[in-house]
Amino acid sequence: MDYSDETMENIDAMLEPWYNDFVKSSVFNKLTERAKGNSGFIIPIFGDYMYNYESETPKQWSGASVEYVLSSLFPRKISADHDTYEDVEPVLTAFFSFLSDSNHIKNAAALTKAVKKASPVMLREATDSSNWGIAKSFMMGALESGVDVEDKQAMDNYMMQYNTNIMNKNLPKQPQPRLSTNPAPTRKIGKNEFCPCGSDKKYKRCCGA
């Protein structure tokens, strides 16, 4: 299925009333206060990723796609703290239960099983910075540096520093003199001979300078 802005808009229009009904349900009330607060972030972005990367609308959600999105894409792309990642499993489990009870989906058990399987992988991979994409690395760096990510000027300043650091890392390193393992020479070294330190420079321009 090719990506369609219209389909994405339809998904958003579908998930919004579902979510509004979900927050009034008994399964939602059983969540912790922290999970309730994070649900407004987790559910929309989950629906977005399921369509953008797996081409599945809510009524097409499959266990295999849920497992892939949570175990691979979430930890690599989503900039969130550990508490938010911990709330993904209970929030989605409760949401799938609600959708099943409301006859919106028919495979809640398979989706829940996929969430439980993917959750420990997601939590582990989300803390490994080597798995992060460029955008997440940038955002997490900003958060760890105490930058207010809602402040455009602060983010612009951080971006300038971030890009400068990357450029400095990519600059070619100056060659370091190689230490010679040979015994120190006992004869006088000519100024135009190669320096015995192993730098490949003439003695007069290296140790004999």
Protein backbone atom coordinates (compact mmCIF):
# COMPACT_ATOMS: atom_id res chain seq x y z
CA MET A 1 0.00 0.00 0.00
CA ASP A 2 1.40 3.41 -1.01
CA TYR A 3 1.48 6.15 1.59
CA SER A 4 -1.39 8.60 1.41
CA ASP A 5 -1.82 11.84 3.35
CA GLU A 6 -5.57 11.33 3.10
CA THR A 7 -5.31 7.89 4.70
CA MET A 8 -3.12 9.27 7.48
CA GLU A 9 -5.68 12.00 8.14
CA ASN A 10 -8.43 9.37 8.23
CA ILE A 11 -6.42 7.36 10.77
CA ASP A 12 -6.02 10.43 12.97
CA ALA A 13 -9.74 11.12 12.65
CA MET A 14 -10.45 7.53 13.66
CA LEU A 15 -8.05 7.36 16.61
CA GLU A 16 -9.11 10.65 18.18
CA PRO A 17 -12.68 9.64 19.10
CA TRP A 18 -11.47 6.16 20.05
CA TYR A 19 -8.97 7.72 22.43
CA ASN A 20 -11.56 10.13 23.84
CA ASP A 21 -13.83 7.17 24.64
CA PHE A 22 -10.88 5.17 25.96
CA VAL A 23 -10.05 7.76 28.63
CA LYS A 24 -13.60 7.39 29.96
CA SER A 25 -13.38 3.60 30.19
CA SER A 26 -12.80 1.35 33.19
CA VAL A 27 -9.61 -0.12 31.69
CA PHE A 28 -8.13 3.36 31.41
CA ASN A 29 -8.98 4.09 35.05
CA LYS A 30 -6.93 1.07 36.10
CA LEU A 31 -3.76 2.59 34.65
CA THR A 32 -1.33 4.49 36.86
CA GLU A 33 -1.57 8.27 36.78
CA ARG A 34 1.76 8.39 34.97
CA ALA A 35 0.56 5.95 32.30
CA LYS A 36 -2.65 7.92 31.86
CA GLY A 37 -0.60 11.04 31.25
CA ASN A 38 1.68 9.30 28.75
CA SER A 39 -1.17 7.64 26.87
CA GLY A 40 -1.90 10.82 24.91
CA PHE A 41 1.60 10.60 23.46
CA ILE A 42 1.94 6.83 23.07
CA ILE A 43 -1.28 6.01 21.21
CA PRO A 44 -1.14 8.66 18.45
CA ILE A 45 2.52 8.03 17.68
CA PHE A 46 1.91 4.27 17.68
CA GLY A 47 -0.88 4.71 15.11
CA ASP A 48 1.36 7.00 13.06
CA TYR A 49 4.26 4.52 12.98
CA MET A 50 2.01 1.57 12.20
CA TYR A 51 0.84 3.31 9.04
CA ASN A 52 4.00 5.19 8.03
CA TYR A 53 6.30 2.18 8.34
CA GLU A 54 4.02 -0.85 8.09
CA SER A 55 1.17 0.57 5.96
CA GLU A 56 -1.44 -0.71 8.42
CA THR A 57 -4.55 1.19 9.45
CA PRO A 58 -5.98 0.46 12.93
CA LYS A 59 -8.36 -2.20 11.66
CA GLN A 60 -5.40 -3.88 9.90
CA TRP A 61 -2.97 -3.85 12.81
CA SER A 62 -1.12 -7.16 13.03
CA GLY A 63 0.98 -8.77 15.74
CA ALA A 64 4.07 -8.93 13.52
CA SER A 65 3.93 -5.21 12.74
CA VAL A 66 3.28 -4.29 16.37
CA GLU A 67 6.34 -6.27 17.43
CA TYR A 68 8.53 -4.67 14.76
CA VAL A 69 7.39 -1.10 15.47
CA LEU A 70 7.87 -1.41 19.23
CA SER A 71 11.10 -3.42 19.31
CA SER A 72 12.89 -1.67 16.44
CA LEU A 73 11.40 1.71 15.52
CA PHE A 74 10.33 3.07 18.90
CA PRO A 75 13.75 2.72 20.58
CA ARG A 76 15.58 4.02 17.51
CA LYS A 77 13.42 7.02 16.72
CA ILE A 78 11.38 8.19 19.70
CA SER A 79 12.96 10.68 22.08
CA ALA A 80 11.41 9.82 25.43
CA ASP A 81 12.51 9.05 28.96
CA HIS A 82 12.56 5.57 30.46
CA ASP A 83 9.27 6.12 32.32
CA THR A 84 7.45 6.76 29.03
CA TYR A 85 8.90 3.60 27.50
CA GLU A 86 7.81 1.62 30.57
CA ASP A 87 4.25 2.85 30.07
CA VAL A 88 4.02 1.68 26.45
CA GLU A 89 3.05 -1.89 27.36
CA PRO A 90 0.30 -1.12 29.91
CA VAL A 91 -1.15 1.71 27.78
CA LEU A 92 -1.34 -0.29 24.55
CA THR A 93 -2.57 -3.40 26.36
CA ALA A 94 -5.40 -1.40 27.91
CA PHE A 95 -6.15 0.35 24.62
CA PHE A 96 -6.38 -2.93 22.69
CA SER A 97 -8.68 -4.33 25.38
CA PHE A 98 -10.93 -1.29 25.07
CA LEU A 99 -10.98 -1.49 21.27
CA SER A 100 -11.94 -5.16 21.45
CA ASP A 101 -14.71 -4.53 23.96
CA SER A 102 -15.98 -1.73 21.70
CA ASN A 103 -15.89 -4.01 18.63
CA HIS A 104 -13.38 -1.79 16.85
CA ILE A 105 -10.82 -4.60 16.43
CA LYS A 106 -11.07 -8.38 16.62
CA ASN A 107 -7.46 -9.45 17.28
CA ALA A 108 -6.69 -7.77 20.60
CA ALA A 109 -5.21 -10.98 22.05
CA ALA A 110 -2.64 -11.27 19.22
CA LEU A 111 -1.73 -7.59 19.46
CA THR A 112 -1.35 -7.78 23.24
CA LYS A 113 0.88 -10.84 22.91
CA ALA A 114 3.08 -8.93 20.45
CA VAL A 115 3.35 -5.96 22.84
CA LYS A 116 4.42 -8.20 25.73
CA LYS A 117 7.04 -9.88 23.55
CA ALA A 118 8.43 -6.61 22.19
CA SER A 119 8.41 -4.64 25.45
CA PRO A 120 11.62 -6.00 27.08
CA VAL A 121 13.51 -5.62 23.78
CA MET A 122 12.22 -2.06 23.40
CA LEU A 123 13.25 -1.11 26.94
CA ARG A 124 16.73 -2.56 26.47
CA GLU A 125 17.35 -1.04 23.04
CA ALA A 126 15.98 2.37 24.02
CA THR A 127 18.81 2.86 26.53
CA ASP A 128 21.55 1.93 24.03
CA SER A 129 22.61 5.14 22.27
CA SER A 130 24.30 3.15 19.50
CA ASN A 131 20.80 2.21 18.31
CA TRP A 132 19.54 5.78 18.09
CA GLY A 133 18.88 7.53 14.81
CA ILE A 134 20.34 10.99 14.11
CA ALA A 135 17.19 12.87 15.13
CA LYS A 136 16.85 10.99 18.40
CA SER A 137 20.55 11.41 19.21
CA PHE A 138 20.16 15.16 18.72
CA MET A 139 17.04 15.42 20.87
CA MET A 140 18.34 13.19 23.65
CA GLY A 141 21.56 15.20 23.71
CA ALA A 142 19.54 18.38 24.11
CA LEU A 143 17.49 16.92 26.94
CA GLU A 144 20.57 15.58 28.74
CA SER A 145 22.20 19.02 28.41
CA GLY A 146 19.22 20.63 30.10
CA VAL A 147 18.05 22.47 26.98
CA ASP A 148 14.41 23.53 26.94
CA VAL A 149 13.30 21.76 23.75
CA GLU A 150 10.22 24.00 23.61
CA ASP A 151 12.45 27.09 23.37
CA LYS A 152 13.27 27.68 19.69
CA GLN A 153 16.22 29.99 20.39
CA ALA A 154 17.70 27.53 22.89
CA MET A 155 17.32 24.70 20.38
CA ASP A 156 18.89 26.79 17.59
CA ASN A 157 21.87 27.53 19.83
CA TYR A 158 22.20 23.89 20.78
CA MET A 159 22.02 22.85 17.11
CA MET A 160 24.89 25.20 16.24
CA GLN A 161 27.03 23.72 19.02
CA TYR A 162 25.97 20.18 18.06
CA ASN A 163 26.98 20.70 14.41
CA THR A 164 30.28 22.29 15.47
CA ASN A 165 31.08 19.27 17.64
CA ILE A 166 30.33 16.91 14.76
CA MET A 167 32.57 18.88 12.38
CA ASN A 168 35.40 18.87 14.91
CA LYS A 169 35.09 15.11 15.28
CA ASN A 170 35.27 14.68 11.51
CA LEU A 171 38.41 16.78 11.06
CA PRO A 172 41.41 14.68 10.01
CA LYS A 173 43.66 13.90 12.93
CA GLN A 174 47.21 15.20 12.83
CA PRO A 175 49.70 12.37 12.41
CA GLN A 176 51.42 11.53 15.67
CA PRO A 177 55.12 10.69 15.75
CA ARG A 178 55.71 6.96 15.89
CA LEU A 179 57.85 5.81 18.77
CA SER A 180 60.80 3.81 17.61
CA THR A 181 61.40 0.43 19.19
CA ASN A 182 65.04 0.50 18.08
CA PRO A 183 67.81 1.36 20.59
CA ALA A 184 68.89 4.98 20.64
CA PRO A 185 71.68 5.56 18.08
CA THR A 186 75.15 6.08 19.43
CA ARG A 187 76.42 8.04 16.42
CA LYS A 188 75.63 11.67 15.64
CA ILE A 189 72.56 12.03 13.46
CA GLY A 190 72.83 14.12 10.31
CA LYS A 191 70.38 17.00 10.12
CA ASN A 192 69.07 15.79 6.75
CA GLU A 193 68.59 12.20 7.89
CA PHE A 194 65.18 10.90 8.84
CA CYS A 195 64.52 11.35 12.53
CA PRO A 196 64.94 8.11 14.52
CA CYS A 197 61.68 8.82 16.40
CA GLY A 198 59.79 7.43 13.41
CA SER A 199 57.99 10.65 12.38
CA ASP A 200 59.18 10.35 8.74
CA LYS A 201 60.49 13.91 9.03
CA LYS A 202 64.06 15.10 8.58
CA TYR A 203 65.93 15.24 11.89
CA LYS A 204 66.52 19.02 11.57
CA ARG A 205 62.73 19.58 11.34
CA CYS A 206 61.81 17.18 14.14
CA CYS A 207 63.75 16.20 17.27
CA GLY A 208 66.84 18.06 16.10
CA ALA A 209 65.03 21.35 15.62
